[in-house]
Amino acid sequence: MTSNGSAPQFLSYEAAIGRLDWSDAVEALRQGHALPRAQIRDVFLGPPTGTMMSRSAWIEGLGYGAKTFTVFDGNAARGLPTVQGAMLVFDGETGSLQAIVDSPLVTEIKTAADSVLGASLLARPDSRHLLIVGAGTVATSLVKAYTAVLPGIERVSVWSRRPEQARELVAGMSGVKAELVAVEDLQDAVGLADIVSSATMARQPVILGDWVRPGTHVDLIGAFKADMREADDALMGKAALFVDSRETTLGHIGELMLPIASGAITEDSVLGDLYDLVRPDARRRQANDEITLFKNGGGAHLDLMIASWIARVMAG
């Protein structure tokens, strides 16, 4: 029961997705990072190709949340969702269960909003060309979120290891104001983009530092485990590095662990996270030719910020 005695809401993807606005989602994350830093705990179980994760958070002034979900790499070939699970949202004052939110709904909105908040704080204001690397479910939400929140984007290029997948994504999109095209030459596409947003399941780098021109903002999403990365040491070494959360990236994700182990960067190379970036006096982009890089690592505190906002929207 909730604090007012009513049953908790169950919020399915289908019931909620049409009522959610990308700009409001990004603002919910911005406001969430103005609150005290979250307490978070993660548990990972199972083999690399089939992992169960339980992520919990408490944020003073917001409440408690716990998301348990599975990630199975091979599910796409079976016609099944890669990610399945649910998020529980608890009242911060009474501990009562307020909402049960479909995990894919929280993950989709949180993941894209996280990256777009980072880009809104770090990318050049005159950015016009966005490259999406990958053409899965996350790529679709990235196209929608970026073009909704950053109206200056005029062109969106999509690249996939399987070119037909990029073409299918482009053909299936509607309501996007920017020009949307599938591209096949990744090196060329990276060199032309103002913002590169990568959402792959790569375990070896797919974006090389030699390809990235000065002034680019690079948004890395895919790597979420210690054996995964999307950028090479050269890119990590020359970019101004930022993360969504130090606690959920440093020591946990290969994107940072592997270049730290090789000596390309140190932990001190990470200049800030979203708690730092939302402050008016934050260290952000310092020059138009600076390459900025944002590692989207996720985390239960982000899930809680988004799930609480979804519950408020759906409560009316």
C-alpha atoms as a PDB file:
ATOM      1  CA  MET A   1       0.000   0.000   0.000  1.00  0.00           C
ATOM      2  CA  THR A   2       1.131   3.588  -0.598  1.00  0.00           C
ATOM      3  CA  SER A   3       1.343   6.214   2.148  1.00  0.00           C
ATOM      4  CA  ASN A   4      -2.261   7.286   1.488  1.00  0.00           C
ATOM      5  CA  GLY A   5      -3.553   3.710   1.695  1.00  0.00           C
ATOM      6  CA  SER A   6      -4.017   3.087  -2.014  1.00  0.00           C
ATOM      7  CA  ALA A   7      -2.444   0.239  -3.960  1.00  0.00           C
ATOM      8  CA  PRO A   8       0.866   1.015  -5.696  1.00  0.00           C
ATOM      9  CA  GLN A   9       0.738   1.851  -9.392  1.00  0.00           C
ATOM     10  CA  PHE A  10       1.905  -0.773 -11.886  1.00  0.00           C
ATOM     11  CA  LEU A  11       3.255   1.153 -14.842  1.00  0.00           C
ATOM     12  CA  SER A  12       3.784  -0.827 -18.015  1.00  0.00           C
ATOM     13  CA  TYR A  13       5.812   0.332 -20.986  1.00  0.00           C
ATOM     14  CA  GLU A  14       2.756   0.434 -23.233  1.00  0.00           C
ATOM     15  CA  ALA A  15       0.663   2.491 -20.792  1.00  0.00           C
ATOM     16  CA  ALA A  16       3.304   5.105 -20.045  1.00  0.00           C
ATOM     17  CA  ILE A  17       5.603   5.657 -23.019  1.00  0.00           C
ATOM     18  CA  GLY A  18       3.199   7.886 -24.949  1.00  0.00           C
ATOM     19  CA  ARG A  19       2.791  10.268 -22.013  1.00  0.00           C
ATOM     20  CA  LEU A  20       6.476  10.909 -21.372  1.00  0.00           C
ATOM     21  CA  ASP A  21       8.390  13.906 -22.721  1.00  0.00           C
ATOM     22  CA  TRP A  22      12.132  13.728 -23.378  1.00  0.00           C
ATOM     23  CA  SER A  23      12.865  17.290 -22.283  1.00  0.00           C
ATOM     24  CA  ASP A  24      11.045  16.680 -19.007  1.00  0.00           C
ATOM     25  CA  ALA A  25      12.999  13.445 -18.489  1.00  0.00           C
ATOM     26  CA  VAL A  26      16.313  15.266 -18.913  1.00  0.00           C
ATOM     27  CA  GLU A  27      15.108  17.959 -16.498  1.00  0.00           C
ATOM     28  CA  ALA A  28      14.172  15.275 -13.951  1.00  0.00           C
ATOM     29  CA  LEU A  29      17.765  14.030 -14.031  1.00  0.00           C
ATOM     30  CA  ARG A  30      19.121  17.563 -13.782  1.00  0.00           C
ATOM     31  CA  GLN A  31      16.956  18.249 -10.716  1.00  0.00           C
ATOM     32  CA  GLY A  32      17.820  14.874  -9.205  1.00  0.00           C
ATOM     33  CA  HIS A  33      21.508  15.731  -9.324  1.00  0.00           C
ATOM     34  CA  ALA A  34      20.838  18.943  -7.389  1.00  0.00           C
ATOM     35  CA  LEU A  35      19.805  16.739  -4.425  1.00  0.00           C
ATOM     36  CA  PRO A  36      22.359  15.149  -2.054  1.00  0.00           C
ATOM     37  CA  ARG A  37      24.475  12.372  -3.566  1.00  0.00           C
ATOM     38  CA  ALA A  38      22.734   9.029  -3.601  1.00  0.00           C
ATOM     39  CA  GLN A  39      23.609   5.921  -1.639  1.00  0.00           C
ATOM     40  CA  ILE A  40      23.793   3.060  -4.156  1.00  0.00           C
ATOM     41  CA  ARG A  41      24.520  -0.664  -4.158  1.00  0.00           C
ATOM     42  CA  ASP A  42      24.792  -3.044  -7.116  1.00  0.00           C
ATOM     43  CA  VAL A  43      24.798  -6.838  -7.362  1.00  0.00           C
ATOM     44  CA  PHE A  44      25.814  -8.650 -10.585  1.00  0.00           C
ATOM     45  CA  LEU A  45      25.213 -12.378 -10.972  1.00  0.00           C
ATOM     46  CA  GLY A  46      25.673 -14.882 -13.781  1.00  0.00           C
ATOM     47  CA  PRO A  47      27.906 -15.295 -16.852  1.00  0.00           C
ATOM     48  CA  PRO A  48      28.837 -12.436 -19.222  1.00  0.00           C
ATOM     49  CA  THR A  49      26.252 -13.437 -21.815  1.00  0.00           C
ATOM     50  CA  GLY A  50      23.377 -13.752 -19.335  1.00  0.00           C
ATOM     51  CA  THR A  51      23.632 -11.443 -16.333  1.00  0.00           C
ATOM     52  CA  MET A  52      21.156 -10.551 -13.590  1.00  0.00           C
ATOM     53  CA  MET A  53      21.657  -7.169 -11.960  1.00  0.00           C
ATOM     54  CA  SER A  54      20.035  -5.731  -8.852  1.00  0.00           C
ATOM     55  CA  ARG A  55      20.561  -2.017  -8.376  1.00  0.00           C
ATOM     56  CA  SER A  56      19.296  -0.100  -5.334  1.00  0.00           C
ATOM     57  CA  ALA A  57      19.438   3.563  -4.339  1.00  0.00           C
ATOM     58  CA  TRP A  58      18.369   6.020  -1.658  1.00  0.00           C
ATOM     59  CA  ILE A  59      18.271   9.752  -2.364  1.00  0.00           C
ATOM     60  CA  GLU A  60      17.520  12.142   0.469  1.00  0.00           C
ATOM     61  CA  GLY A  61      14.482  14.167  -0.506  1.00  0.00           C
ATOM     62  CA  LEU A  62      13.342  11.692  -3.170  1.00  0.00           C
ATOM     63  CA  GLY A  63      13.042   8.185  -1.743  1.00  0.00           C
ATOM     64  CA  TYR A  64      14.186   4.612  -2.335  1.00  0.00           C
ATOM     65  CA  GLY A  65      14.334   2.494  -5.448  1.00  0.00           C
ATOM     66  CA  ALA A  66      15.385  -1.010  -6.457  1.00  0.00           C
ATOM     67  CA  LYS A  67      15.621  -2.351 -10.008  1.00  0.00           C
ATOM     68  CA  THR A  68      16.246  -6.022 -10.726  1.00  0.00           C
ATOM     69  CA  PHE A  69      16.661  -7.082 -14.340  1.00  0.00           C
ATOM     70  CA  THR A  70      18.375  -9.557 -16.645  1.00  0.00           C
ATOM     71  CA  VAL A  71      20.522  -8.818 -19.713  1.00  0.00           C
ATOM     72  CA  PHE A  72      20.800 -11.689 -22.202  1.00  0.00           C
ATOM     73  CA  ASP A  73      22.949 -10.890 -25.246  1.00  0.00           C
ATOM     74  CA  GLY A  74      21.434 -13.654 -27.370  1.00  0.00           C
ATOM     75  CA  ASN A  75      17.788 -12.778 -26.835  1.00  0.00           C
ATOM     76  CA  ALA A  76      17.490 -10.629 -29.957  1.00  0.00           C
ATOM     77  CA  ALA A  77      18.122 -13.728 -32.086  1.00  0.00           C
ATOM     78  CA  ARG A  78      15.361 -15.516 -30.148  1.00  0.00           C
ATOM     79  CA  GLY A  79      12.890 -12.704 -30.738  1.00  0.00           C
ATOM     80  CA  LEU A  80      12.967 -11.799 -27.027  1.00  0.00           C
ATOM     81  CA  PRO A  81      13.885  -8.542 -25.240  1.00  0.00           C
ATOM     82  CA  THR A  82      17.547  -8.217 -24.268  1.00  0.00           C
ATOM     83  CA  VAL A  83      16.587  -6.568 -20.954  1.00  0.00           C
ATOM     84  CA  GLN A  84      13.714  -7.731 -18.716  1.00  0.00           C
ATOM     85  CA  GLY A  85      12.788  -6.775 -15.140  1.00  0.00           C
ATOM     86  CA  ALA A  86      11.005  -4.303 -12.875  1.00  0.00           C
ATOM     87  CA  MET A  87      11.720  -1.223 -10.748  1.00  0.00           C
ATOM     88  CA  LEU A  88      10.231  -0.670  -7.270  1.00  0.00           C
ATOM     89  CA  VAL A  89       9.796   2.905  -6.016  1.00  0.00           C
ATOM     90  CA  PHE A  90       9.351   3.501  -2.261  1.00  0.00           C
ATOM     91  CA  ASP A  91       8.276   6.646  -0.439  1.00  0.00           C
ATOM     92  CA  GLY A  92      11.135   8.367   1.353  1.00  0.00           C
ATOM     93  CA  GLU A  93       9.105   9.320   4.419  1.00  0.00           C
ATOM     94  CA  THR A  94       7.081   6.167   5.127  1.00  0.00           C
ATOM     95  CA  GLY A  95       8.863   3.452   3.137  1.00  0.00           C
ATOM     96  CA  SER A  96       5.605   2.511   1.428  1.00  0.00           C
ATOM     97  CA  LEU A  97       5.700   1.023  -2.063  1.00  0.00           C
ATOM     98  CA  GLN A  98       4.508   3.711  -4.472  1.00  0.00           C
ATOM     99  CA  ALA A  99       5.015   2.159  -7.899  1.00  0.00           C
ATOM    100  CA  ILE A 100       6.192  -0.899  -9.795  1.00  0.00           C
ATOM    101  CA  VAL A 101       7.601   0.289 -13.102  1.00  0.00           C
ATOM    102  CA  ASP A 102       8.405  -1.874 -16.115  1.00  0.00           C
ATOM    103  CA  SER A 103      12.211  -2.095 -16.196  1.00  0.00           C
ATOM    104  CA  PRO A 104      12.579  -1.552 -19.974  1.00  0.00           C
ATOM    105  CA  LEU A 105      10.574   1.673 -19.639  1.00  0.00           C
ATOM    106  CA  VAL A 106      12.877   3.035 -16.923  1.00  0.00           C
ATOM    107  CA  THR A 107      16.004   1.861 -18.746  1.00  0.00           C
ATOM    108  CA  GLU A 108      15.014   3.334 -22.107  1.00  0.00           C
ATOM    109  CA  ILE A 109      14.141   6.767 -20.740  1.00  0.00           C
ATOM    110  CA  LYS A 110      16.994   6.867 -18.221  1.00  0.00           C
ATOM    111  CA  THR A 111      19.688   5.763 -20.660  1.00  0.00           C
ATOM    112  CA  ALA A 112      18.897   8.272 -23.388  1.00  0.00           C
ATOM    113  CA  ALA A 113      18.132  11.136 -20.981  1.00  0.00           C
ATOM    114  CA  ASP A 114      21.426  10.502 -19.158  1.00  0.00           C
ATOM    115  CA  SER A 115      23.403  10.858 -22.392  1.00  0.00           C
ATOM    116  CA  VAL A 116      21.461  13.889 -23.601  1.00  0.00           C
ATOM    117  CA  LEU A 117      21.926  15.655 -20.263  1.00  0.00           C
ATOM    118  CA  GLY A 118      25.664  15.031 -20.597  1.00  0.00           C
ATOM    119  CA  ALA A 119      25.676  16.332 -24.166  1.00  0.00           C
ATOM    120  CA  SER A 120      23.636  19.413 -23.247  1.00  0.00           C
ATOM    121  CA  LEU A 121      26.346  20.298 -20.715  1.00  0.00           C
ATOM    122  CA  LEU A 122      29.424  19.337 -22.754  1.00  0.00           C
ATOM    123  CA  ALA A 123      28.794  19.415 -26.515  1.00  0.00           C
ATOM    124  CA  ARG A 124      29.397  22.560 -28.567  1.00  0.00           C
ATOM    125  CA  PRO A 125      26.202  24.657 -28.650  1.00  0.00           C
ATOM    126  CA  ASP A 126      26.475  24.850 -32.452  1.00  0.00           C
ATOM    127  CA  SER A 127      26.496  21.045 -32.882  1.00  0.00           C
ATOM    128  CA  ARG A 128      24.457  20.098 -35.960  1.00  0.00           C
ATOM    129  CA  HIS A 129      25.460  16.544 -36.927  1.00  0.00           C
ATOM    130  CA  LEU A 130      24.813  13.568 -34.619  1.00  0.00           C
ATOM    131  CA  LEU A 131      26.202  10.099 -35.337  1.00  0.00           C
ATOM    132  CA  ILE A 132      24.582   7.114 -33.646  1.00  0.00           C
ATOM    133  CA  VAL A 133      26.851   4.049 -33.537  1.00  0.00           C
ATOM    134  CA  GLY A 134      24.646   0.971 -33.209  1.00  0.00           C
ATOM    135  CA  ALA A 135      21.094   0.404 -34.409  1.00  0.00           C
ATOM    136  CA  GLY A 136      19.382  -1.484 -31.599  1.00  0.00           C
ATOM    137  CA  THR A 137      16.665  -0.435 -29.178  1.00  0.00           C
ATOM    138  CA  VAL A 138      18.859   2.126 -27.422  1.00  0.00           C
ATOM    139  CA  ALA A 139      19.781   3.754 -30.738  1.00  0.00           C
ATOM    140  CA  THR A 140      16.131   4.405 -31.517  1.00  0.00           C
ATOM    141  CA  SER A 141      15.553   6.209 -28.210  1.00  0.00           C
ATOM    142  CA  LEU A 142      18.792   8.178 -28.666  1.00  0.00           C
ATOM    143  CA  VAL A 143      17.581   9.540 -32.017  1.00  0.00           C
ATOM    144  CA  LYS A 144      14.308  10.638 -30.419  1.00  0.00           C
ATOM    145  CA  ALA A 145      15.843  12.097 -27.269  1.00  0.00           C
ATOM    146  CA  TYR A 146      18.710  13.990 -28.889  1.00  0.00           C
ATOM    147  CA  THR A 147      16.541  15.587 -31.569  1.00  0.00           C
ATOM    148  CA  ALA A 148      13.819  16.492 -29.047  1.00  0.00           C
ATOM    149  CA  VAL A 149      16.145  18.127 -26.518  1.00  0.00           C
ATOM    150  CA  LEU A 150      18.862  19.585 -28.785  1.00  0.00           C
ATOM    151  CA  PRO A 151      16.871  21.287 -31.558  1.00  0.00           C
ATOM    152  CA  GLY A 152      20.043  22.485 -33.303  1.00  0.00           C
ATOM    153  CA  ILE A 153      20.703  18.960 -34.595  1.00  0.00           C
ATOM    154  CA  GLU A 154      19.944  18.964 -38.323  1.00  0.00           C
ATOM    155  CA  ARG A 155      21.362  15.608 -39.418  1.00  0.00           C
ATOM    156  CA  VAL A 156      21.446  12.194 -37.713  1.00  0.00           C
ATOM    157  CA  SER A 157      23.623   9.466 -39.211  1.00  0.00           C
ATOM    158  CA  VAL A 158      23.194   5.855 -38.053  1.00  0.00           C
ATOM    159  CA  TRP A 159      25.881   3.170 -38.408  1.00  0.00           C
ATOM    160  CA  SER A 160      25.630  -0.519 -37.577  1.00  0.00           C
ATOM    161  CA  ARG A 161      27.894  -3.521 -38.076  1.00  0.00           C
ATOM    162  CA  ARG A 162      24.985  -4.883 -40.099  1.00  0.00           C
ATOM    163  CA  PRO A 163      24.166  -2.085 -42.578  1.00  0.00           C
ATOM    164  CA  GLU A 164      20.652  -3.411 -43.117  1.00  0.00           C
ATOM    165  CA  GLN A 165      19.899  -2.844 -39.431  1.00  0.00           C
ATOM    166  CA  ALA A 166      20.810   0.843 -39.738  1.00  0.00           C
ATOM    167  CA  ARG A 167      18.668   1.137 -42.856  1.00  0.00           C
ATOM    168  CA  GLU A 168      15.738  -0.511 -41.066  1.00  0.00           C
ATOM    169  CA  LEU A 169      16.031   1.895 -38.127  1.00  0.00           C
ATOM    170  CA  VAL A 170      16.017   4.900 -40.468  1.00  0.00           C
ATOM    171  CA  ALA A 171      13.080   3.567 -42.477  1.00  0.00           C
ATOM    172  CA  GLY A 172      11.068   2.859 -39.326  1.00  0.00           C
ATOM    173  CA  MET A 173      11.505   6.291 -37.701  1.00  0.00           C
ATOM    174  CA  SER A 174       8.850   8.971 -37.993  1.00  0.00           C
ATOM    175  CA  GLY A 175       8.284  12.359 -36.399  1.00  0.00           C
ATOM    176  CA  VAL A 176      12.003  13.247 -36.284  1.00  0.00           C
ATOM    177  CA  LYS A 177      12.638  16.753 -37.567  1.00  0.00           C
ATOM    178  CA  ALA A 178      16.308  16.178 -38.440  1.00  0.00           C
ATOM    179  CA  GLU A 179      17.514  14.522 -41.646  1.00  0.00           C
ATOM    180  CA  LEU A 180      18.030  10.827 -40.853  1.00  0.00           C
ATOM    181  CA  VAL A 181      20.436   8.680 -42.907  1.00  0.00           C
ATOM    182  CA  ALA A 182      22.102   5.257 -42.675  1.00  0.00           C
ATOM    183  CA  VAL A 183      25.860   5.262 -43.292  1.00  0.00           C
ATOM    184  CA  GLU A 184      28.304   2.410 -43.948  1.00  0.00           C
ATOM    185  CA  ASP A 185      31.770   3.974 -43.445  1.00  0.00           C
ATOM    186  CA  LEU A 186      32.219   4.400 -39.680  1.00  0.00           C
ATOM    187  CA  GLN A 187      35.585   6.174 -39.845  1.00  0.00           C
ATOM    188  CA  ASP A 188      34.255   8.742 -42.286  1.00  0.00           C
ATOM    189  CA  ALA A 189      31.062   9.230 -40.267  1.00  0.00           C
ATOM    190  CA  VAL A 190      32.966   9.796 -37.005  1.00  0.00           C
ATOM    191  CA  GLY A 191      35.169  12.384 -38.729  1.00  0.00           C
ATOM    192  CA  LEU A 192      32.144  14.366 -39.918  1.00  0.00           C
ATOM    193  CA  ALA A 193      30.078  14.316 -36.706  1.00  0.00           C
ATOM    194  CA  ASP A 194      29.782  16.989 -34.033  1.00  0.00           C
ATOM    195  CA  ILE A 195      28.391  14.466 -31.525  1.00  0.00           C
ATOM    196  CA  VAL A 196      29.136  10.727 -31.602  1.00  0.00           C
ATOM    197  CA  SER A 197      26.810   8.604 -29.463  1.00  0.00           C
ATOM    198  CA  SER A 198      27.757   4.926 -29.271  1.00  0.00           C
ATOM    199  CA  ALA A 199      25.443   2.187 -27.994  1.00  0.00           C
ATOM    200  CA  THR A 200      26.917  -1.175 -28.907  1.00  0.00           C
ATOM    201  CA  MET A 201      27.700  -4.428 -27.118  1.00  0.00           C
ATOM    202  CA  ALA A 202      31.376  -4.099 -28.114  1.00  0.00           C
ATOM    203  CA  ARG A 203      34.133  -5.737 -26.134  1.00  0.00           C
ATOM    204  CA  GLN A 204      36.836  -4.180 -28.353  1.00  0.00           C
ATOM    205  CA  PRO A 205      37.043  -0.481 -29.356  1.00  0.00           C
ATOM    206  CA  VAL A 206      34.869   0.585 -32.278  1.00  0.00           C
ATOM    207  CA  ILE A 207      35.696   4.327 -32.099  1.00  0.00           C
ATOM    208  CA  LEU A 208      39.355   5.262 -32.560  1.00  0.00           C
ATOM    209  CA  GLY A 209      40.928   8.474 -31.366  1.00  0.00           C
ATOM    210  CA  ASP A 210      42.584   9.104 -34.726  1.00  0.00           C
ATOM    211  CA  TRP A 211      39.128   9.383 -36.329  1.00  0.00           C
ATOM    212  CA  VAL A 212      37.702  12.021 -33.972  1.00  0.00           C
ATOM    213  CA  ARG A 213      38.109  15.632 -35.071  1.00  0.00           C
ATOM    214  CA  PRO A 214      38.716  18.526 -32.631  1.00  0.00           C
ATOM    215  CA  GLY A 215      35.577  19.876 -30.982  1.00  0.00           C
ATOM    216  CA  THR A 216      33.643  16.612 -31.083  1.00  0.00           C
ATOM    217  CA  HIS A 217      31.587  15.401 -28.134  1.00  0.00           C
ATOM    218  CA  VAL A 218      31.711  11.616 -27.680  1.00  0.00           C
ATOM    219  CA  ASP A 219      28.944   9.876 -25.726  1.00  0.00           C
ATOM    220  CA  LEU A 220      29.709   6.256 -24.762  1.00  0.00           C
ATOM    221  CA  ILE A 221      26.842   4.069 -23.568  1.00  0.00           C
ATOM    222  CA  GLY A 222      27.357   0.426 -24.461  1.00  0.00           C
ATOM    223  CA  ALA A 223      30.063  -0.818 -22.094  1.00  0.00           C
ATOM    224  CA  PHE A 224      28.564  -1.731 -18.722  1.00  0.00           C
ATOM    225  CA  LYS A 225      30.943  -4.489 -17.533  1.00  0.00           C
ATOM    226  CA  ALA A 226      34.669  -4.836 -16.906  1.00  0.00           C
ATOM    227  CA  ASP A 227      35.360  -6.637 -20.204  1.00  0.00           C
ATOM    228  CA  MET A 228      33.550  -4.102 -22.422  1.00  0.00           C
ATOM    229  CA  ARG A 229      34.700  -0.898 -24.125  1.00  0.00           C
ATOM    230  CA  GLU A 230      33.840   1.210 -27.176  1.00  0.00           C
ATOM    231  CA  ALA A 231      36.741   3.739 -27.339  1.00  0.00           C
ATOM    232  CA  ASP A 232      40.458   3.071 -27.722  1.00  0.00           C
ATOM    233  CA  ASP A 233      43.256   4.341 -25.490  1.00  0.00           C
ATOM    234  CA  ALA A 234      44.105   7.131 -27.928  1.00  0.00           C
ATOM    235  CA  LEU A 235      40.643   8.672 -27.637  1.00  0.00           C
ATOM    236  CA  MET A 236      40.487   8.247 -23.879  1.00  0.00           C
ATOM    237  CA  GLY A 237      43.924   9.815 -23.537  1.00  0.00           C
ATOM    238  CA  LYS A 238      43.251  12.978 -25.521  1.00  0.00           C
ATOM    239  CA  ALA A 239      39.651  13.758 -24.516  1.00  0.00           C
ATOM    240  CA  ALA A 240      38.402  15.730 -21.533  1.00  0.00           C
ATOM    241  CA  LEU A 241      36.753  12.871 -19.622  1.00  0.00           C
ATOM    242  CA  PHE A 242      33.459  13.022 -17.717  1.00  0.00           C
ATOM    243  CA  VAL A 243      31.130  10.336 -16.347  1.00  0.00           C
ATOM    244  CA  ASP A 244      27.556  10.246 -15.145  1.00  0.00           C
ATOM    245  CA  SER A 245      28.666   8.794 -11.796  1.00  0.00           C
ATOM    246  CA  ARG A 246      32.156   8.169 -10.473  1.00  0.00           C
ATOM    247  CA  GLU A 247      30.801   5.489  -8.166  1.00  0.00           C
ATOM    248  CA  THR A 248      29.226   3.369 -10.911  1.00  0.00           C
ATOM    249  CA  THR A 249      31.983   3.732 -13.531  1.00  0.00           C
ATOM    250  CA  LEU A 250      35.439   3.878 -11.946  1.00  0.00           C
ATOM    251  CA  GLY A 251      36.462   0.390 -10.890  1.00  0.00           C
ATOM    252  CA  HIS A 252      33.448  -1.199 -12.600  1.00  0.00           C
ATOM    253  CA  ILE A 253      33.464  -0.565 -16.352  1.00  0.00           C
ATOM    254  CA  GLY A 254      36.088  -1.572 -18.885  1.00  0.00           C
ATOM    255  CA  GLU A 255      35.777   1.751 -20.694  1.00  0.00           C
ATOM    256  CA  LEU A 256      37.750   3.263 -17.802  1.00  0.00           C
ATOM    257  CA  MET A 257      39.364   0.241 -16.149  1.00  0.00           C
ATOM    258  CA  LEU A 258      41.229  -0.933 -19.269  1.00  0.00           C
ATOM    259  CA  PRO A 259      42.870   2.416 -20.197  1.00  0.00           C
ATOM    260  CA  ILE A 260      43.712   2.970 -16.533  1.00  0.00           C
ATOM    261  CA  ALA A 261      45.391  -0.456 -16.478  1.00  0.00           C
ATOM    262  CA  SER A 262      47.355   0.372 -19.651  1.00  0.00           C
ATOM    263  CA  GLY A 263      48.473   3.748 -18.278  1.00  0.00           C
ATOM    264  CA  ALA A 264      46.640   5.779 -20.939  1.00  0.00           C
ATOM    265  CA  ILE A 265      44.680   7.600 -18.209  1.00  0.00           C
ATOM    266  CA  THR A 266      44.412   7.681 -14.416  1.00  0.00           C
ATOM    267  CA  GLU A 267      41.393   7.990 -12.161  1.00  0.00           C
ATOM    268  CA  ASP A 268      42.241  11.685 -11.864  1.00  0.00           C
ATOM    269  CA  SER A 269      41.713  12.047 -15.620  1.00  0.00           C
ATOM    270  CA  VAL A 270      37.961  11.973 -14.925  1.00  0.00           C
ATOM    271  CA  LEU A 271      37.197  15.662 -14.499  1.00  0.00           C
ATOM    272  CA  GLY A 272      33.677  15.378 -13.123  1.00  0.00           C
ATOM    273  CA  ASP A 273      30.357  13.569 -13.008  1.00  0.00           C
ATOM    274  CA  LEU A 274      26.789  14.824 -13.345  1.00  0.00           C
ATOM    275  CA  TYR A 275      26.686  15.974  -9.721  1.00  0.00           C
ATOM    276  CA  ASP A 276      29.613  18.252 -10.615  1.00  0.00           C
ATOM    277  CA  LEU A 277      28.410  19.215 -14.094  1.00  0.00           C
ATOM    278  CA  VAL A 278      25.016  20.571 -13.048  1.00  0.00           C
ATOM    279  CA  ARG A 279      26.636  23.141 -10.752  1.00  0.00           C
ATOM    280  CA  PRO A 280      26.911  26.664 -12.178  1.00  0.00           C
ATOM    281  CA  ASP A 281      30.664  26.747 -11.498  1.00  0.00           C
ATOM    282  CA  ALA A 282      31.328  23.352 -13.115  1.00  0.00           C
ATOM    283  CA  ARG A 283      34.357  22.535 -15.243  1.00  0.00           C
ATOM    284  CA  ARG A 284      32.749  21.778 -18.631  1.00  0.00           C
ATOM    285  CA  ARG A 285      33.982  22.297 -22.206  1.00  0.00           C
ATOM    286  CA  GLN A 286      36.803  24.864 -22.194  1.00  0.00           C
ATOM    287  CA  ALA A 287      37.315  25.461 -25.916  1.00  0.00           C
ATOM    288  CA  ASN A 288      35.532  24.869 -29.214  1.00  0.00           C
ATOM    289  CA  ASP A 289      38.305  22.517 -30.331  1.00  0.00           C
ATOM    290  CA  GLU A 290      38.357  20.450 -27.125  1.00  0.00           C
ATOM    291  CA  ILE A 291      37.200  16.847 -27.472  1.00  0.00           C
ATOM    292  CA  THR A 292      34.834  16.014 -24.642  1.00  0.00           C
ATOM    293  CA  LEU A 293      33.888  12.451 -23.694  1.00  0.00           C
ATOM    294  CA  PHE A 294      31.017  11.394 -21.457  1.00  0.00           C
ATOM    295  CA  LYS A 295      30.722   7.834 -20.166  1.00  0.00           C
ATOM    296  CA  ASN A 296      27.107   6.866 -19.511  1.00  0.00           C
ATOM    297  CA  GLY A 297      27.425   4.116 -16.918  1.00  0.00           C
ATOM    298  CA  GLY A 298      23.893   4.105 -15.547  1.00  0.00           C
ATOM    299  CA  GLY A 299      23.174   3.395 -11.923  1.00  0.00           C
ATOM    300  CA  ALA A 300      20.318   2.884  -9.512  1.00  0.00           C
ATOM    301  CA  HIS A 301      20.206   6.565  -8.551  1.00  0.00           C
ATOM    302  CA  LEU A 302      19.424   7.482 -12.176  1.00  0.00           C
ATOM    303  CA  ASP A 303      16.763   4.758 -12.311  1.00  0.00           C
ATOM    304  CA  LEU A 304      15.212   6.184  -9.145  1.00  0.00           C
ATOM    305  CA  MET A 305      15.197   9.732 -10.477  1.00  0.00           C
ATOM    306  CA  ILE A 306      13.470   8.627 -13.686  1.00  0.00           C
ATOM    307  CA  ALA A 307      11.074   6.089 -12.122  1.00  0.00           C
ATOM    308  CA  SER A 308       9.934   8.626  -9.523  1.00  0.00           C
ATOM    309  CA  TRP A 309       9.311  11.155 -12.294  1.00  0.00           C
ATOM    310  CA  ILE A 310       7.391   8.574 -14.361  1.00  0.00           C
ATOM    311  CA  ALA A 311       5.240   7.745 -11.331  1.00  0.00           C
ATOM    312  CA  ARG A 312       4.470  11.421 -10.785  1.00  0.00           C
ATOM    313  CA  VAL A 313       3.554  11.944 -14.442  1.00  0.00           C
ATOM    314  CA  MET A 314       1.297   8.900 -14.498  1.00  0.00           C
ATOM    315  CA  ALA A 315      -0.364   9.839 -11.207  1.00  0.00           C
ATOM    316  CA  GLY A 316      -1.495  12.929 -12.973  1.00  0.00           C
END
